[in-house]
């Protein structure tokens, strides 16, 4: 197994990045989060990426600035290499309509943001168990 697991977090709430980082220290020490808060920052990260890309993307669909997370999802799915990266929607709002749109646009999974520290720990434990220990994810090189 690799010693690091890079997770691109696209979320406008810095508290989400903070809690994921804190929980991961013990629950997922291999995780290295790259946090961007806006669509434009996510696109800039992708455009400037030269080398190993993220193993997984955690994407909030409700970004405070336009375009939305859905637009970044579409951009990733149309990218020649980004289309291969698992994209997990991480949102505070869960409706069948949003989930359907996410899957129609190519999301790998649709998840709801936990509320308590304990729930975040469980979320990160499951993230590690499936995406780091169980699933085989190709190492993708961006240029």
N, C-alpha and C. Protein backbone atom coordinates (compact mmCIF):
# COMPACT_ATOMS: atom_id res chain seq x y z
N UNK A 1 0.84 -1.19 0.00
CA UNK A 1 0.00 0.00 0.00
C UNK A 1 0.87 1.25 0.00
N UNK A 2 0.39 2.30 -0.66
CA UNK A 2 1.17 3.55 -0.64
C UNK A 2 1.21 4.14 0.76
N UNK A 3 2.21 4.95 1.00
CA UNK A 3 2.34 5.56 2.33
C UNK A 3 1.51 6.83 2.46
N UNK A 4 1.14 7.45 1.34
CA UNK A 4 0.26 8.61 1.39
C UNK A 4 -0.92 8.40 0.46
N UNK A 5 -2.02 9.02 0.81
CA UNK A 5 -3.25 8.93 0.05
C UNK A 5 -3.77 10.36 -0.08
N UNK A 6 -3.70 10.90 -1.27
CA UNK A 6 -4.04 12.30 -1.48
C UNK A 6 -5.53 12.46 -1.76
N UNK A 7 -6.15 13.35 -0.98
CA UNK A 7 -7.57 13.63 -1.11
C UNK A 7 -7.73 15.11 -1.43
N UNK A 8 -8.30 15.38 -2.60
CA UNK A 8 -8.63 16.76 -2.95
C UNK A 8 -9.99 17.06 -2.34
N UNK A 9 -10.03 18.02 -1.44
CA UNK A 9 -11.26 18.45 -0.79
C UNK A 9 -11.69 19.78 -1.39
N UNK A 10 -12.84 19.78 -2.06
CA UNK A 10 -13.39 21.01 -2.63
C UNK A 10 -14.60 21.37 -1.79
N UNK A 11 -14.40 22.30 -0.86
CA UNK A 11 -15.45 22.69 0.08
C UNK A 11 -15.17 24.10 0.57
N UNK A 12 -16.18 24.95 0.55
CA UNK A 12 -15.97 26.34 0.94
C UNK A 12 -15.93 26.57 2.45
N UNK A 13 -16.19 25.53 3.22
CA UNK A 13 -16.21 25.65 4.68
C UNK A 13 -14.87 25.19 5.26
N UNK A 14 -14.04 26.11 5.78
CA UNK A 14 -12.74 25.70 6.32
C UNK A 14 -12.86 24.77 7.53
N UNK A 15 -14.00 24.80 8.22
CA UNK A 15 -14.18 23.91 9.36
C UNK A 15 -14.24 22.45 8.93
N UNK A 16 -14.75 22.19 7.73
CA UNK A 16 -14.79 20.81 7.22
C UNK A 16 -13.37 20.31 7.02
N UNK A 17 -12.53 21.13 6.41
CA UNK A 17 -11.13 20.76 6.22
C UNK A 17 -10.45 20.53 7.55
N UNK A 18 -10.74 21.38 8.52
CA UNK A 18 -10.13 21.26 9.84
C UNK A 18 -10.53 19.96 10.52
N UNK A 19 -11.81 19.65 10.52
CA UNK A 19 -12.24 18.43 11.22
C UNK A 19 -11.75 17.18 10.50
N UNK A 20 -11.74 17.19 9.17
CA UNK A 20 -11.21 16.03 8.44
C UNK A 20 -9.73 15.82 8.75
N UNK A 21 -8.99 16.90 8.81
CA UNK A 21 -7.57 16.80 9.12
C UNK A 21 -7.35 16.29 10.54
N UNK A 22 -8.11 16.83 11.50
CA UNK A 22 -7.95 16.39 12.90
C UNK A 22 -8.34 14.93 13.08
N UNK A 23 -9.47 14.53 12.51
CA UNK A 23 -9.92 13.14 12.66
C UNK A 23 -8.94 12.19 11.98
N UNK A 24 -8.40 12.59 10.85
CA UNK A 24 -7.52 11.71 10.08
C UNK A 24 -6.18 11.44 10.75
N UNK A 25 -5.77 12.30 11.66
CA UNK A 25 -4.49 12.09 12.33
C UNK A 25 -4.41 10.68 12.91
N UNK A 26 -5.51 10.24 13.54
CA UNK A 26 -5.52 8.89 14.12
C UNK A 26 -6.25 7.89 13.22
N UNK A 27 -7.32 8.31 12.57
CA UNK A 27 -8.15 7.38 11.82
C UNK A 27 -7.64 7.06 10.42
N UNK A 28 -6.89 8.00 9.83
CA UNK A 28 -6.43 7.82 8.45
C UNK A 28 -5.12 8.59 8.29
N UNK A 29 -4.06 8.14 8.99
CA UNK A 29 -2.80 8.90 8.99
C UNK A 29 -2.15 9.00 7.62
N UNK A 30 -2.51 8.13 6.70
CA UNK A 30 -1.95 8.18 5.35
C UNK A 30 -2.56 9.31 4.51
N UNK A 31 -3.69 9.84 4.96
CA UNK A 31 -4.41 10.87 4.20
C UNK A 31 -3.66 12.19 4.20
N UNK A 32 -3.58 12.78 3.02
CA UNK A 32 -3.02 14.13 2.86
C UNK A 32 -4.08 14.93 2.11
N UNK A 33 -4.65 15.90 2.80
CA UNK A 33 -5.72 16.70 2.22
C UNK A 33 -5.18 17.92 1.50
N UNK A 34 -5.68 18.14 0.32
CA UNK A 34 -5.44 19.38 -0.41
C UNK A 34 -6.80 20.06 -0.44
N UNK A 35 -6.89 21.20 0.25
CA UNK A 35 -8.18 21.87 0.40
C UNK A 35 -8.25 23.10 -0.51
N UNK A 36 -9.26 23.12 -1.35
CA UNK A 36 -9.57 24.31 -2.14
C UNK A 36 -11.01 24.69 -1.84
N UNK A 37 -11.28 26.00 -1.84
CA UNK A 37 -12.59 26.46 -1.36
C UNK A 37 -13.56 26.86 -2.46
N UNK A 38 -13.06 27.07 -3.66
CA UNK A 38 -13.92 27.58 -4.73
C UNK A 38 -13.67 26.82 -6.02
N UNK A 39 -14.64 26.88 -6.90
CA UNK A 39 -14.53 26.26 -8.22
C UNK A 39 -13.26 26.72 -8.92
N UNK A 40 -13.03 28.04 -8.93
CA UNK A 40 -11.86 28.58 -9.64
C UNK A 40 -10.56 28.02 -9.07
N UNK A 41 -10.48 27.85 -7.75
CA UNK A 41 -9.28 27.29 -7.12
C UNK A 41 -9.11 25.81 -7.49
N UNK A 42 -10.21 25.09 -7.58
CA UNK A 42 -10.16 23.68 -7.96
C UNK A 42 -9.67 23.53 -9.40
N UNK A 43 -10.17 24.39 -10.28
CA UNK A 43 -9.74 24.37 -11.68
C UNK A 43 -8.26 24.73 -11.78
N UNK A 44 -7.84 25.73 -11.02
CA UNK A 44 -6.43 26.14 -11.01
C UNK A 44 -5.54 24.99 -10.53
N UNK A 45 -5.97 24.31 -9.46
CA UNK A 45 -5.22 23.15 -8.97
C UNK A 45 -5.07 22.11 -10.08
N UNK A 46 -6.18 21.80 -10.73
CA UNK A 46 -6.17 20.79 -11.79
C UNK A 46 -5.28 21.22 -12.95
N UNK A 47 -5.39 22.48 -13.36
CA UNK A 47 -4.59 22.99 -14.48
C UNK A 47 -3.10 23.00 -14.17
N UNK A 48 -2.74 23.23 -12.92
CA UNK A 48 -1.32 23.31 -12.53
C UNK A 48 -0.74 21.97 -12.08
N UNK A 49 -1.57 20.96 -12.02
CA UNK A 49 -1.12 19.66 -11.55
C UNK A 49 -0.16 19.04 -12.56
N UNK A 50 1.02 18.69 -12.08
CA UNK A 50 2.03 18.07 -12.92
C UNK A 50 2.65 16.95 -12.11
N UNK A 51 2.15 15.76 -12.30
CA UNK A 51 2.61 14.61 -11.54
C UNK A 51 1.42 13.83 -11.00
N UNK A 52 1.64 13.18 -9.87
CA UNK A 52 0.58 12.36 -9.29
C UNK A 52 -0.62 13.20 -8.91
N UNK A 53 -1.78 12.75 -9.31
CA UNK A 53 -3.02 13.44 -8.97
C UNK A 53 -3.61 12.90 -7.69
N UNK A 54 -4.76 13.43 -7.31
CA UNK A 54 -5.41 12.95 -6.10
C UNK A 54 -5.92 11.52 -6.28
N UNK A 55 -5.93 10.78 -5.18
CA UNK A 55 -6.50 9.44 -5.21
C UNK A 55 -8.01 9.49 -5.25
N UNK A 56 -8.56 10.48 -4.56
CA UNK A 56 -10.01 10.64 -4.43
C UNK A 56 -10.30 12.14 -4.32
N UNK A 57 -11.49 12.54 -4.78
CA UNK A 57 -11.97 13.91 -4.58
C UNK A 57 -13.18 13.86 -3.68
N UNK A 58 -13.19 14.68 -2.63
CA UNK A 58 -14.38 14.92 -1.81
C UNK A 58 -14.92 16.27 -2.25
N UNK A 59 -16.14 16.29 -2.77
CA UNK A 59 -16.67 17.48 -3.42
C UNK A 59 -18.00 17.91 -2.83
N UNK A 60 -18.02 19.14 -2.33
CA UNK A 60 -19.28 19.75 -1.88
C UNK A 60 -19.96 20.33 -3.11
N UNK A 61 -21.23 20.01 -3.31
CA UNK A 61 -21.92 20.53 -4.50
C UNK A 61 -22.44 21.93 -4.30
N UNK A 62 -22.56 22.37 -3.04
CA UNK A 62 -23.10 23.70 -2.74
C UNK A 62 -21.97 24.64 -2.33
N UNK A 63 -21.22 25.12 -3.30
CA UNK A 63 -20.17 26.09 -3.03
C UNK A 63 -20.80 27.48 -2.97
N UNK A 64 -20.27 28.35 -2.11
CA UNK A 64 -20.86 29.68 -1.93
C UNK A 64 -20.74 30.55 -3.17
N UNK A 65 -19.73 30.32 -3.97
CA UNK A 65 -19.57 31.10 -5.19
C UNK A 65 -19.89 30.22 -6.39
N UNK A 66 -20.34 30.83 -7.44
CA UNK A 66 -20.61 30.11 -8.68
C UNK A 66 -19.31 29.94 -9.44
N UNK A 67 -19.18 28.93 -10.25
CA UNK A 67 -20.06 27.81 -10.47
C UNK A 67 -20.10 26.85 -9.29
N UNK A 68 -21.03 25.94 -9.34
CA UNK A 68 -21.25 25.00 -8.24
C UNK A 68 -20.29 23.81 -8.33
N UNK A 69 -20.37 22.98 -7.30
CA UNK A 69 -19.59 21.75 -7.31
C UNK A 69 -20.00 20.83 -8.45
N UNK A 70 -21.26 20.90 -8.86
CA UNK A 70 -21.71 20.10 -10.00
C UNK A 70 -20.90 20.44 -11.25
N UNK A 71 -20.58 21.72 -11.41
CA UNK A 71 -19.81 22.13 -12.58
C UNK A 71 -18.39 21.56 -12.53
N UNK A 72 -17.81 21.50 -11.33
CA UNK A 72 -16.47 20.90 -11.21
C UNK A 72 -16.55 19.41 -11.49
N UNK A 73 -17.60 18.77 -11.03
CA UNK A 73 -17.81 17.34 -11.31
C UNK A 73 -17.85 17.11 -12.82
N UNK A 74 -18.60 17.92 -13.52
CA UNK A 74 -18.69 17.80 -14.98
C UNK A 74 -17.33 18.03 -15.63
N UNK A 75 -16.61 19.05 -15.15
CA UNK A 75 -15.28 19.34 -15.68
C UNK A 75 -14.36 18.14 -15.49
N UNK A 76 -14.37 17.56 -14.30
CA UNK A 76 -13.52 16.39 -14.03
C UNK A 76 -13.89 15.21 -14.93
N UNK A 77 -15.16 15.00 -15.12
CA UNK A 77 -15.58 13.86 -15.94
C UNK A 77 -15.28 14.06 -17.42
N UNK A 78 -15.06 15.30 -17.83
CA UNK A 78 -14.69 15.59 -19.22
C UNK A 78 -13.18 15.70 -19.40
N UNK A 79 -12.42 15.62 -18.32
CA UNK A 79 -10.96 15.71 -18.36
C UNK A 79 -10.40 14.33 -18.73
N UNK A 80 -9.38 14.27 -19.60
CA UNK A 80 -8.87 12.96 -20.05
C UNK A 80 -8.31 12.08 -18.94
N UNK A 81 -7.81 12.67 -17.87
CA UNK A 81 -7.30 11.88 -16.74
C UNK A 81 -8.22 12.02 -15.54
N UNK A 82 -8.74 13.21 -15.32
CA UNK A 82 -9.65 13.45 -14.19
C UNK A 82 -10.88 12.57 -14.22
N UNK A 83 -11.25 12.11 -15.41
CA UNK A 83 -12.43 11.25 -15.52
C UNK A 83 -12.24 9.92 -14.80
N UNK A 84 -11.01 9.57 -14.47
CA UNK A 84 -10.71 8.30 -13.80
C UNK A 84 -10.65 8.41 -12.28
N UNK A 85 -10.67 9.62 -11.75
CA UNK A 85 -10.54 9.83 -10.31
C UNK A 85 -11.90 9.63 -9.64
N UNK A 86 -11.97 8.80 -8.59
CA UNK A 86 -13.24 8.67 -7.86
C UNK A 86 -13.64 10.01 -7.23
N UNK A 87 -14.88 10.40 -7.43
CA UNK A 87 -15.38 11.66 -6.88
C UNK A 87 -16.55 11.35 -5.96
N UNK A 88 -16.35 11.67 -4.69
CA UNK A 88 -17.36 11.42 -3.66
C UNK A 88 -18.01 12.75 -3.31
N UNK A 89 -19.30 12.85 -3.54
CA UNK A 89 -20.03 14.05 -3.15
C UNK A 89 -20.16 14.04 -1.64
N UNK A 90 -19.85 15.17 -1.03
CA UNK A 90 -19.94 15.35 0.42
C UNK A 90 -20.76 16.61 0.65
N UNK A 91 -22.03 16.43 1.00
CA UNK A 91 -22.94 17.57 1.07
C UNK A 91 -23.75 17.56 2.35
N UNK A 92 -24.19 18.74 2.75
CA UNK A 92 -25.06 18.84 3.93
C UNK A 92 -26.52 18.62 3.56
N UNK A 93 -26.84 18.74 2.28
CA UNK A 93 -28.21 18.61 1.81
C UNK A 93 -28.36 17.34 1.01
N UNK A 94 -29.26 16.49 1.45
CA UNK A 94 -29.47 15.23 0.75
C UNK A 94 -30.91 15.12 0.29
N UNK A 95 -31.08 15.15 -1.01
CA UNK A 95 -32.39 14.88 -1.60
C UNK A 95 -32.19 13.88 -2.74
N UNK A 96 -33.25 13.20 -3.09
CA UNK A 96 -33.16 12.25 -4.21
C UNK A 96 -32.80 12.98 -5.50
N UNK A 97 -33.31 14.19 -5.65
CA UNK A 97 -33.03 14.97 -6.86
C UNK A 97 -31.54 15.30 -6.96
N UNK A 98 -30.94 15.76 -5.86
CA UNK A 98 -29.51 16.07 -5.86
C UNK A 98 -28.67 14.83 -6.10
N UNK A 99 -29.03 13.74 -5.44
CA UNK A 99 -28.28 12.50 -5.62
C UNK A 99 -28.36 12.02 -7.07
N UNK A 100 -29.54 12.08 -7.65
CA UNK A 100 -29.72 11.66 -9.03
C UNK A 100 -28.88 12.53 -9.97
N UNK A 101 -28.90 13.84 -9.75
CA UNK A 101 -28.10 14.72 -10.59
C UNK A 101 -26.62 14.41 -10.45
N UNK A 102 -26.18 14.17 -9.22
CA UNK A 102 -24.76 13.85 -8.99
C UNK A 102 -24.36 12.58 -9.73
N UNK A 103 -25.16 11.55 -9.62
CA UNK A 103 -24.84 10.31 -10.31
C UNK A 103 -24.93 10.47 -11.82
N UNK A 104 -25.90 11.24 -12.30
CA UNK A 104 -26.01 11.49 -13.74
C UNK A 104 -24.80 12.23 -14.28
N UNK A 105 -24.18 13.05 -13.44
CA UNK A 105 -23.00 13.80 -13.88
C UNK A 105 -21.71 13.02 -13.66
N UNK A 106 -21.80 11.82 -13.09
CA UNK A 106 -20.62 10.98 -12.97
C UNK A 106 -20.03 10.82 -11.59
N UNK A 107 -20.76 11.20 -10.55
CA UNK A 107 -20.24 11.00 -9.19
C UNK A 107 -20.06 9.51 -8.92
N UNK A 108 -19.04 9.19 -8.16
CA UNK A 108 -18.78 7.81 -7.76
C UNK A 108 -19.65 7.43 -6.58
N UNK A 109 -19.86 8.39 -5.67
CA UNK A 109 -20.69 8.15 -4.48
C UNK A 109 -21.30 9.48 -4.04
N UNK A 110 -22.40 9.39 -3.30
CA UNK A 110 -23.09 10.57 -2.78
C UNK A 110 -23.24 10.37 -1.28
N UNK A 111 -22.58 11.22 -0.49
CA UNK A 111 -22.60 11.07 0.97
C UNK A 111 -23.03 12.38 1.63
N UNK A 112 -23.54 12.25 2.84
CA UNK A 112 -24.01 13.40 3.61
C UNK A 112 -22.98 13.72 4.69
N UNK A 113 -22.71 15.01 4.87
CA UNK A 113 -21.74 15.43 5.88
C UNK A 113 -22.23 15.04 7.28
N UNK A 114 -21.36 14.41 8.04
CA UNK A 114 -21.71 14.10 9.43
C UNK A 114 -21.84 15.37 10.26
N UNK A 115 -22.47 15.23 11.44
CA UNK A 115 -22.67 16.39 12.31
C UNK A 115 -21.76 16.38 13.53
N UNK A 116 -21.53 15.21 14.11
CA UNK A 116 -20.75 15.14 15.34
C UNK A 116 -19.32 14.66 15.05
N UNK A 117 -18.44 14.92 15.99
CA UNK A 117 -17.07 14.46 15.85
C UNK A 117 -17.03 12.94 15.69
N UNK A 118 -17.82 12.24 16.49
CA UNK A 118 -17.88 10.78 16.40
C UNK A 118 -18.33 10.33 15.02
N UNK A 119 -19.33 11.01 14.47
CA UNK A 119 -19.81 10.66 13.12
C UNK A 119 -18.75 10.94 12.06
N UNK A 120 -17.99 12.03 12.24
CA UNK A 120 -16.90 12.31 11.31
C UNK A 120 -15.83 11.23 11.39
N UNK A 121 -15.55 10.77 12.61
CA UNK A 121 -14.57 9.70 12.78
C UNK A 121 -15.03 8.44 12.05
N UNK A 122 -16.29 8.10 12.20
CA UNK A 122 -16.85 6.93 11.50
C UNK A 122 -16.74 7.12 9.99
N UNK A 123 -17.06 8.32 9.52
CA UNK A 123 -16.98 8.61 8.08
C UNK A 123 -15.55 8.40 7.57
N UNK A 124 -14.57 8.94 8.29
CA UNK A 124 -13.17 8.82 7.87
C UNK A 124 -12.70 7.37 7.98
N UNK A 125 -13.13 6.67 9.03
CA UNK A 125 -12.79 5.24 9.15
C UNK A 125 -13.28 4.47 7.92
N UNK A 126 -14.51 4.74 7.51
CA UNK A 126 -15.09 4.05 6.35
C UNK A 126 -14.40 4.47 5.05
N UNK A 127 -14.07 5.74 4.97
CA UNK A 127 -13.34 6.25 3.80
C UNK A 127 -12.02 5.50 3.65
N UNK A 128 -11.30 5.36 4.76
CA UNK A 128 -10.03 4.65 4.74
C UNK A 128 -10.22 3.17 4.42
N UNK A 129 -11.19 2.55 5.09
CA UNK A 129 -11.42 1.12 4.90
C UNK A 129 -11.70 0.79 3.43
N UNK A 130 -12.56 1.56 2.81
CA UNK A 130 -12.91 1.23 1.43
C UNK A 130 -11.88 1.74 0.43
N UNK A 131 -11.59 3.04 0.45
CA UNK A 131 -10.78 3.63 -0.61
C UNK A 131 -9.29 3.38 -0.46
N UNK A 132 -8.80 3.17 0.76
CA UNK A 132 -7.37 2.95 0.96
C UNK A 132 -7.04 1.46 1.09
N UNK A 133 -7.87 0.72 1.84
CA UNK A 133 -7.55 -0.67 2.12
C UNK A 133 -8.19 -1.67 1.16
N UNK A 134 -9.36 -1.35 0.61
CA UNK A 134 -10.10 -2.33 -0.17
C UNK A 134 -10.02 -2.09 -1.67
N UNK A 135 -10.40 -0.91 -2.11
CA UNK A 135 -10.46 -0.61 -3.54
C UNK A 135 -9.05 -0.47 -4.13
N UNK A 136 -8.95 -0.82 -5.39
CA UNK A 136 -7.71 -0.60 -6.13
C UNK A 136 -7.90 0.64 -6.98
N UNK A 137 -7.12 1.66 -6.69
CA UNK A 137 -7.21 2.92 -7.42
C UNK A 137 -5.91 3.12 -8.19
N UNK A 138 -6.00 3.32 -9.50
CA UNK A 138 -4.75 3.53 -10.25
C UNK A 138 -4.10 4.85 -9.87
N UNK A 139 -2.79 4.87 -9.88
CA UNK A 139 -2.05 6.11 -9.64
C UNK A 139 -2.08 6.89 -10.95
N UNK A 140 -2.66 8.06 -10.92
CA UNK A 140 -2.87 8.84 -12.13
C UNK A 140 -1.90 10.02 -12.18
N UNK A 141 -1.24 10.16 -13.31
CA UNK A 141 -0.28 11.24 -13.51
C UNK A 141 -0.89 12.30 -14.42
N UNK A 142 -0.88 13.52 -13.94
CA UNK A 142 -1.40 14.65 -14.70
C UNK A 142 -0.23 15.43 -15.29
N UNK A 143 -0.48 16.05 -16.43
CA UNK A 143 0.54 16.89 -17.07
C UNK A 143 -0.10 18.15 -17.53
